[in-house]
Protein backbone atom coordinates (compact mmCIF):
# COMPACT_ATOMS: atom_id res chain seq x y z
CA UNK A 1 -50.18 65.41 71.04
CA UNK A 2 -47.01 65.95 73.16
CA UNK A 3 -46.69 68.58 75.88
CA UNK A 4 -44.56 70.12 74.51
CA UNK A 5 -46.39 70.65 71.04
CA UNK A 6 -49.02 71.75 72.40
CA UNK A 7 -46.64 74.49 73.69
CA UNK A 8 -45.68 75.09 70.48
CA UNK A 9 -48.90 75.64 69.41
CA UNK A 10 -49.98 77.95 72.09
CA UNK A 11 -46.78 80.11 70.96
CA UNK A 12 -47.82 80.15 67.53
CA UNK A 13 -50.71 81.36 67.84
CA UNK A 14 -50.12 84.24 70.38
CA UNK A 15 -47.98 85.89 67.83
CA UNK A 16 -48.86 89.26 65.84
CA UNK A 17 -46.94 90.58 63.38
CA UNK A 18 -45.00 93.60 65.28
CA UNK A 19 -46.36 96.24 63.46
CA UNK A 20 -50.00 94.62 63.66
CA UNK A 21 -49.47 94.34 67.75
CA UNK A 22 -47.54 98.34 67.29
CA UNK A 23 -50.32 99.85 65.75
CA UNK A 24 -52.67 98.20 67.72
CA UNK A 25 -51.03 99.75 70.93
CA UNK A 26 -50.94 103.03 69.52
CA UNK A 27 -54.52 102.75 68.49
CA UNK A 28 -55.55 102.29 72.44
CA UNK A 29 -53.40 104.73 73.71
CA UNK A 30 -54.61 107.68 71.92
CA UNK A 31 -58.24 106.54 72.16
CA UNK A 32 -57.61 106.07 76.17
CA UNK A 33 -55.57 109.87 76.38
CA UNK A 34 -59.16 111.30 73.94
CA UNK A 35 -61.46 110.50 76.26
CA UNK A 36 -60.40 113.12 78.50
CA UNK A 37 -61.26 115.64 76.34
CA UNK A 38 -64.89 113.99 75.24
CA UNK A 39 -65.30 113.73 78.65
CA UNK A 40 -64.37 117.19 79.35
CA UNK A 41 -66.79 118.93 76.32
CA UNK A 42 -69.58 116.47 78.26
CA UNK A 43 -69.04 117.78 81.77
CA UNK A 44 -68.49 121.82 80.52
CA UNK A 45 -70.12 122.33 77.50
CA UNK A 46 -73.17 120.22 78.35
CA UNK A 47 -73.51 119.94 82.15
CA UNK A 48 -73.67 116.16 82.22
CA UNK A 49 -72.58 115.05 86.05
CA UNK A 50 -69.06 113.79 85.93
CA UNK A 51 -70.13 110.45 87.28
CA UNK A 52 -73.39 110.35 85.39
CA UNK A 53 -71.16 110.70 82.55
CA UNK A 54 -68.57 108.05 84.04
CA UNK A 55 -72.40 105.47 83.71
CA UNK A 56 -73.06 106.26 80.21
CA UNK A 57 -69.47 105.67 79.38
CA UNK A 58 -69.90 102.18 81.08
CA UNK A 59 -73.70 101.26 79.88
CA UNK A 60 -72.08 101.77 76.30
CA UNK A 61 -69.48 99.17 77.16
CA UNK A 62 -71.72 96.64 78.82
CA UNK A 63 -73.49 96.60 75.65
CA UNK A 64 -70.81 95.96 73.23
CA UNK A 65 -69.59 93.11 75.34
CA UNK A 66 -72.85 91.26 76.05
CA UNK A 67 -72.14 89.62 72.70
CA UNK A 68 -68.69 88.56 73.54
CA UNK A 69 -69.38 87.36 77.14
CA UNK A 70 -72.33 85.26 76.10
CA UNK A 71 -69.62 83.38 73.61
CA UNK A 72 -67.30 83.09 76.22
CA UNK A 73 -69.41 81.65 79.11
CA UNK A 74 -70.57 78.98 76.03
CA UNK A 75 -67.15 78.18 75.66
CA UNK A 76 -66.01 77.73 79.53
CA UNK A 77 -69.28 75.08 79.97
CA UNK A 78 -67.66 73.35 77.11
CA UNK A 79 -64.61 73.17 78.97
CA UNK A 80 -65.50 72.40 82.05
CA UNK A 81 -67.91 69.45 80.26
CA UNK A 82 -64.66 68.37 78.40
CA UNK A 83 -62.45 68.59 81.71
CA UNK A 84 -65.26 66.34 83.36
CA UNK A 85 -65.22 63.91 80.41
CA UNK A 86 -61.73 63.63 80.49
CA UNK A 87 -61.74 62.85 84.89
CA UNK A 88 -64.56 60.53 84.49
CA UNK A 89 -62.19 58.60 81.85
CA UNK A 90 -59.36 58.61 84.56
CA UNK A 91 -61.37 57.68 87.15
CA UNK A 92 -64.00 55.35 86.18
CA UNK A 93 -62.28 53.87 82.70
CA UNK A 94 -64.59 55.31 80.40
CA UNK A 95 -64.24 55.86 76.96
CA UNK A 96 -63.48 59.15 75.73
CA UNK A 97 -66.35 61.04 73.67
CA UNK A 98 -65.22 62.60 70.13
CA UNK A 99 -65.45 65.66 72.08
CA UNK A 100 -63.31 64.33 74.66
CA UNK A 101 -60.84 63.08 71.78
CA UNK A 102 -60.82 66.52 70.40
CA UNK A 103 -59.64 68.10 73.46
CA UNK A 104 -56.79 66.34 74.58
CA UNK A 105 -54.50 69.73 75.45
CA UNK A 106 -57.19 69.61 78.83
CA UNK A 107 -54.79 70.07 81.71
CA UNK A 108 -56.53 67.75 84.00
CA UNK A 109 -54.57 69.13 87.30
CA UNK A 110 -57.58 72.25 86.24
CA UNK A 111 -60.29 72.42 88.10
CA UNK A 112 -63.57 73.39 86.21
CA UNK A 113 -63.83 77.20 85.65
CA UNK A 114 -67.31 77.79 85.78
CA UNK A 115 -67.51 77.28 89.65
CA UNK A 116 -64.35 79.54 90.35
CA UNK A 117 -65.96 82.32 88.14
CA UNK A 118 -68.51 82.38 90.64
CA UNK A 119 -66.53 82.08 93.29
CA UNK A 120 -64.90 84.84 92.11
CA UNK A 121 -67.92 87.22 91.69
CA UNK A 122 -67.20 89.19 95.19
CA UNK A 123 -64.13 90.19 94.16
CA UNK A 124 -65.09 91.58 90.69
CA UNK A 125 -67.44 93.30 92.27
CA UNK A 126 -65.11 94.75 94.73
CA UNK A 127 -62.90 95.62 91.64
CA UNK A 128 -65.44 97.13 89.85
CA UNK A 129 -66.37 99.59 92.61
CA UNK A 130 -62.63 100.25 92.71
CA UNK A 131 -62.91 101.26 89.19
CA UNK A 132 -65.98 103.08 88.97
CA UNK A 133 -64.77 105.33 92.11
CA UNK A 134 -61.40 105.50 90.01
CA UNK A 135 -63.50 107.04 86.87
CA UNK A 136 -65.75 109.07 88.63
CA UNK A 137 -63.31 111.01 90.54
CA UNK A 138 -60.76 111.72 87.06
CA UNK A 139 -63.69 113.43 85.67
CA UNK A 140 -65.29 115.46 88.28
CA UNK A 141 -61.27 116.77 88.27
CA UNK A 142 -61.29 117.63 84.81
CA UNK A 143 -63.86 120.23 85.65
CA UNK A 144 -61.83 121.50 88.88
CA UNK A 145 -58.32 121.64 87.79
CA UNK A 146 -56.02 121.77 84.58
CA UNK A 147 -56.73 118.62 82.03
CA UNK A 148 -53.05 118.41 82.17
CA UNK A 149 -53.08 118.24 85.76
CA UNK A 150 -55.95 115.94 86.13
CA UNK A 151 -54.03 113.45 83.77
CA UNK A 152 -50.39 113.63 85.06
CA UNK A 153 -52.17 112.93 89.09
CA UNK A 154 -54.46 110.43 87.57
CA UNK A 155 -51.24 108.66 86.05
CA UNK A 156 -49.91 108.11 89.81
CA UNK A 157 -50.72 104.96 90.65
CA UNK A 158 -47.91 103.06 89.72
CA UNK A 159 -45.98 105.53 92.17
CA UNK A 160 -48.87 104.91 94.94
CA UNK A 161 -48.48 101.42 94.34
CA UNK A 162 -44.90 101.23 95.66
CA UNK A 163 -45.54 103.47 98.35
CA UNK A 164 -48.48 101.28 99.35
CA UNK A 165 -45.71 98.20 99.01
CA UNK A 166 -43.18 100.01 101.28
CA UNK A 167 -45.92 100.38 103.91
CA UNK A 168 -46.45 97.12 103.63
CA UNK A 169 -43.54 95.38 104.22
CA UNK A 170 -42.76 98.21 107.53
CA UNK A 171 -45.45 96.71 109.26
CA UNK A 172 -44.81 93.40 108.45
CA UNK A 173 -47.28 92.11 105.96
CA UNK A 174 -45.09 91.91 102.99
CA UNK A 175 -41.77 89.95 103.10
CA UNK A 176 -40.97 91.55 99.03
CA UNK A 177 -38.90 94.75 99.86
CA UNK A 178 -39.69 97.42 97.16
CA UNK A 179 -36.57 97.32 94.61
CA UNK A 180 -34.47 101.04 96.01
CA UNK A 181 -34.85 101.72 92.00
CA UNK A 182 -38.35 101.41 91.94
CA UNK A 183 -38.51 103.82 95.12
CA UNK A 184 -36.27 106.10 93.59
CA UNK A 185 -38.85 106.26 90.29
CA UNK A 186 -41.46 107.27 92.88
CA UNK A 187 -39.97 109.78 94.65
CA UNK A 188 -39.07 111.20 91.65
CA UNK A 189 -42.80 110.94 91.00
CA UNK A 190 -44.06 112.39 93.97
CA UNK A 191 -41.41 115.57 93.50
CA UNK A 192 -42.47 116.15 89.79
CA UNK A 193 -46.39 116.14 90.99
CA UNK A 194 -44.80 118.41 94.05
CA UNK A 195 -42.99 120.62 91.28
CA UNK A 196 -46.39 121.08 89.12
CA UNK A 197 -48.28 122.82 92.69
CA UNK A 198 -46.65 125.16 91.59
CA UNK A 199 -48.66 126.10 88.65
CA UNK A 200 -52.22 125.99 91.36
CA UNK A 201 -54.16 129.19 91.15
CA UNK A 202 -52.62 130.70 88.56
CA UNK A 203 -55.10 131.59 85.80
CA UNK A 204 -55.31 130.77 82.64
CA UNK A 205 -56.76 132.09 79.30
CA UNK A 206 -57.77 128.54 78.14
CA UNK A 207 -59.01 125.85 80.13
CA UNK A 208 -59.51 125.79 84.06
CA UNK A 209 -57.09 126.51 86.50
CA UNK A 210 -55.11 123.58 88.16
CA UNK A 211 -56.80 123.51 91.73
CA UNK A 212 -55.21 121.62 94.75
CA UNK A 213 -58.51 119.84 95.32
CA UNK A 214 -58.91 119.23 91.46
CA UNK A 215 -55.48 117.69 91.89
CA UNK A 216 -56.23 115.69 94.90
CA UNK A 217 -59.83 114.38 93.42
CA UNK A 218 -57.30 112.83 90.27
CA UNK A 219 -55.32 111.47 92.75
CA UNK A 220 -58.25 109.92 94.38
CA UNK A 221 -58.90 108.06 91.35
CA UNK A 222 -55.15 106.89 91.12
CA UNK A 223 -55.65 105.62 94.42
CA UNK A 224 -58.68 103.71 93.14
CA UNK A 225 -57.00 102.24 90.05
CA UNK A 226 -54.58 100.40 92.06
CA UNK A 227 -57.49 98.37 93.94
CA UNK A 228 -58.50 98.13 90.39
CA UNK A 229 -54.91 96.76 89.67
CA UNK A 230 -54.15 94.69 92.06
CA UNK A 231 -57.46 92.70 92.13
CA UNK A 232 -57.32 92.78 87.77
CA UNK A 233 -53.85 90.64 88.00
CA UNK A 234 -55.33 87.79 90.11
CA UNK A 235 -58.44 87.09 87.89
CA UNK A 236 -57.18 87.89 84.99
CA UNK A 237 -54.66 85.47 85.96
CA UNK A 238 -57.26 82.49 84.88
CA UNK A 239 -60.40 84.07 84.26
CA UNK A 240 -61.17 85.14 80.28
CA UNK A 241 -60.89 88.12 79.17
CA UNK A 242 -64.55 88.85 78.45
CA UNK A 243 -66.11 87.47 81.41
CA UNK A 244 -63.82 89.37 83.51
CA UNK A 245 -64.33 92.40 81.53
CA UNK A 246 -68.23 92.10 82.28
CA UNK A 247 -68.13 91.46 85.72
CA UNK A 248 -65.75 94.35 86.16
CA UNK A 249 -67.59 96.64 84.32
CA UNK A 250 -70.85 96.25 85.11
CA UNK A 251 -69.66 96.44 89.36
CA UNK A 252 -68.30 100.13 88.11
CA UNK A 253 -71.57 100.90 86.36
CA UNK A 254 -73.34 100.45 89.63
CA UNK A 255 -70.72 102.22 91.57
CA UNK A 256 -70.83 105.46 89.31
CA UNK A 257 -74.52 105.22 88.77
CA UNK A 258 -75.03 105.44 92.69
CA UNK A 259 -72.41 108.09 92.84
CA UNK A 260 -73.63 110.10 90.55
CA UNK A 261 -77.03 110.10 92.83
CA UNK A 262 -75.30 110.41 96.01
CA UNK A 263 -73.76 114.03 94.21
CA UNK A 264 -76.27 115.50 92.13
CA UNK A 265 -79.84 116.45 93.32
CA UNK A 266 -82.83 115.59 90.92
CA UNK A 267 -81.32 112.60 88.34
CA UNK A 268 -84.57 111.40 86.55
CA UNK A 269 -84.95 108.06 84.69
CA UNK A 270 -84.34 109.77 81.71
CA UNK A 271 -81.11 111.07 82.77
CA UNK A 272 -79.79 107.47 83.76
CA UNK A 273 -80.52 106.38 80.30
CA UNK A 274 -79.16 109.93 78.58
CA UNK A 275 -76.99 107.47 77.21
CA UNK A 276 -79.30 106.57 74.07
CA UNK A 277 -80.34 110.15 73.81
CA UNK A 278 -79.86 111.82 71.08
CA UNK A 279 -77.70 114.95 72.00
CA UNK A 280 -75.35 112.51 74.40
CA UNK A 281 -75.61 108.86 72.49
CA UNK A 282 -72.62 110.00 69.60
CA UNK A 283 -70.03 110.59 72.61
CA UNK A 284 -71.45 108.16 74.83
CA UNK A 285 -70.67 105.91 72.22
CA UNK A 286 -67.93 106.85 71.37
CA UNK A 287 -66.45 106.72 75.17
CA UNK A 288 -67.53 103.25 75.03
CA UNK A 289 -66.67 101.52 71.84
CA UNK A 290 -63.56 103.85 71.94
CA UNK A 291 -61.20 104.14 75.16
CA UNK A 292 -63.77 101.72 76.47
CA UNK A 293 -63.75 98.84 74.34
CA UNK A 294 -61.24 99.67 72.00
CA UNK A 295 -59.09 101.48 74.67
CA UNK A 296 -59.15 99.54 78.13
CA UNK A 297 -60.60 96.29 77.37
CA UNK A 298 -58.11 95.92 73.71
CA UNK A 299 -55.24 96.51 76.06
CA UNK A 300 -56.01 93.51 78.18
CA UNK A 301 -56.15 91.26 75.00
CA UNK A 302 -53.21 92.20 74.07
CA UNK A 303 -50.69 91.26 77.40
CA UNK A 304 -50.44 88.08 75.29
CA UNK A 305 -48.83 89.64 72.40
CA UNK A 306 -46.66 92.65 73.61
CA UNK A 307 -44.62 93.09 77.26
CA UNK A 308 -46.46 94.13 80.12
CA UNK A 309 -43.56 96.74 80.03
CA UNK A 310 -43.93 98.14 76.67
CA UNK A 311 -48.05 98.27 77.51
CA UNK A 312 -47.14 100.83 80.74
CA UNK A 313 -44.66 102.89 79.46
CA UNK A 314 -47.01 103.34 76.08
CA UNK A 315 -49.76 104.24 78.40
CA UNK A 316 -47.27 107.05 80.32
CA UNK A 317 -47.73 108.99 76.91
CA UNK A 318 -51.80 109.73 77.76
CA UNK A 319 -51.05 113.07 79.48
CA UNK A 320 -48.88 113.78 76.35
CA UNK A 321 -51.30 112.97 74.31
CA UNK A 322 -54.12 114.11 76.51
CA UNK A 323 -52.93 117.49 76.77
CA UNK A 324 -51.81 117.92 72.86
CA UNK A 325 -55.62 116.90 71.99
CA UNK A 326 -57.24 119.69 74.22
CA UNK A 327 -54.62 122.28 73.00
CA UNK A 328 -55.70 121.52 69.64
CA UNK A 329 -59.33 121.59 70.06
CA UNK A 330 -59.41 124.84 72.06
CA UNK A 331 -60.24 123.12 75.44
CA UNK A 332 -56.75 124.06 77.34
CA UNK A 333 -54.12 125.99 77.05
CA UNK A 334 -50.37 125.65 76.99
CA UNK A 335 -49.05 124.43 80.54
CA UNK A 336 -47.27 126.97 83.05
CA UNK A 337 -43.48 126.30 83.66
CA UNK A 338 -44.70 124.91 86.79
CA UNK A 339 -46.63 121.84 84.88
CA UNK A 340 -43.79 121.23 82.11
CA UNK A 341 -41.09 120.56 84.40
CA UNK A 342 -42.91 118.63 87.50
CA UNK A 343 -44.64 116.72 84.14
CA UNK A 344 -41.01 116.06 83.08
CA UNK A 345 -39.96 115.09 86.71
CA UNK A 346 -43.27 112.56 86.89
CA UNK A 347 -43.58 111.37 84.06
CA UNK A 348 -39.59 109.89 84.36
CA UNK A 349 -40.17 108.46 87.69
CA UNK A 350 -43.22 106.92 86.49
CA UNK A 351 -41.09 105.59 83.75
CA UNK A 352 -38.32 104.03 86.40
CA UNK A 353 -40.79 102.78 88.49
CA UNK A 354 -42.46 100.99 85.60
CA UNK A 355 -39.25 99.51 84.11
CA UNK A 356 -37.69 98.43 87.91
CA UNK A 357 -41.27 96.72 88.71
CA UNK A 358 -41.07 94.63 84.90
CA UNK A 359 -37.35 93.84 85.78
CA UNK A 360 -38.17 92.79 89.25
CA UNK A 361 -40.91 90.56 88.19
CA UNK A 362 -38.60 89.43 85.59
CA UNK A 363 -36.09 87.61 87.66
C-alpha cells in the first residue's frame, strides 16, 4: 500500500456524516451543562462536600473507562511488537512475519509507544492534579455564588491563557506574541466579568446570591483548567485517547479526594465509597457516564471529526444551557441586569479569543 493510499484511507475513516457529528456534539455539550444542576442538587440538597462529590463522579468515570483502557493498552503493546518486527527486518534483514506484513502502514520512524506512555506518567499526574483542582474549585463555587456566575467565571480559561501568553512574551519566555484580535477578545471578556460583578451581594428569591469569593473560586477552576488544557494538548498529540483519559482522571480522582479530606472533617471510608450507596448512586453514576464519558471524553474523541473551533464555540453555550436548566428545575432565578449585560460581553469576548486562536493556529 502506498503512502498516498494510506493517507486517503486514514482520512476516509475519520469522516462522519455531518448530522451524526452534530448530534454527538450537541449531546456532549448538553450533558456537560447538566453537570452543574446535578452537582448543585447533591451539594445543596444532599449536603455532599463539593470535592467529595467530584471524587464520586471521577470514580465512576474510571470504572467506566477501565475496559476501553485495557483494550487500548493491549493495542499499544501489539503495535510496539509490530514496530519491533519492522525495525528488526530493516536492521538485520530478517523476514517479516504475517503479523508484520499486515501492518505495513506502520511509520517506521516512530518510537515504541509504551515507553513514551510510561515516561509521560508524571505529566498525566500533573494534568490530573489540575483537572481535580478545576472540578473541586468549580463545584465549591456552586454553593457559594449563583449558578450563572459560577458557569460564566469557570468558562474564562481561554481568556486566562491569553493573559498568560502575554506575560510569557513580556518576560521573553515565549517568542510568539498573542494576536491583537485575541487580546481584544480577552479584554472584552474581562470587562464582561467586571460588569457582572454589579450583581454581587444582591439578594435573590431563588438560588444563591452572587458573591465575590464564589466567583473567585470559579475563576480558580478556570485557571486550573488552563494547566489541564496545555498539558493535554501535548499528550493527546500522540497518546491514545483511553490511555490518556484513564491516567488523567485517575490523577484528578486522587486530587479531589485529598481536597475532600482537607476541607471536610470526619470523612469515613463509607463516605469515600458513597458513589455506590443507594441515596447517591444514580446521580453519581449519571455524572460519570453522562458529563464524564459522554461529555468530556466524547469531546476529546470528536476532535478527529470536528474542528477544534467548532467544539470550542459550542462549549461557549454551556453557561447558557446550564443556567436555563437550573431555572427550569427551580435551582436558579432569572439573572440580574448586570449579569445579563456582563454575560453577553464575556461570551462575546470568549468567542473572539477562540476564533482568533483558531485563525492563528491555521496560519
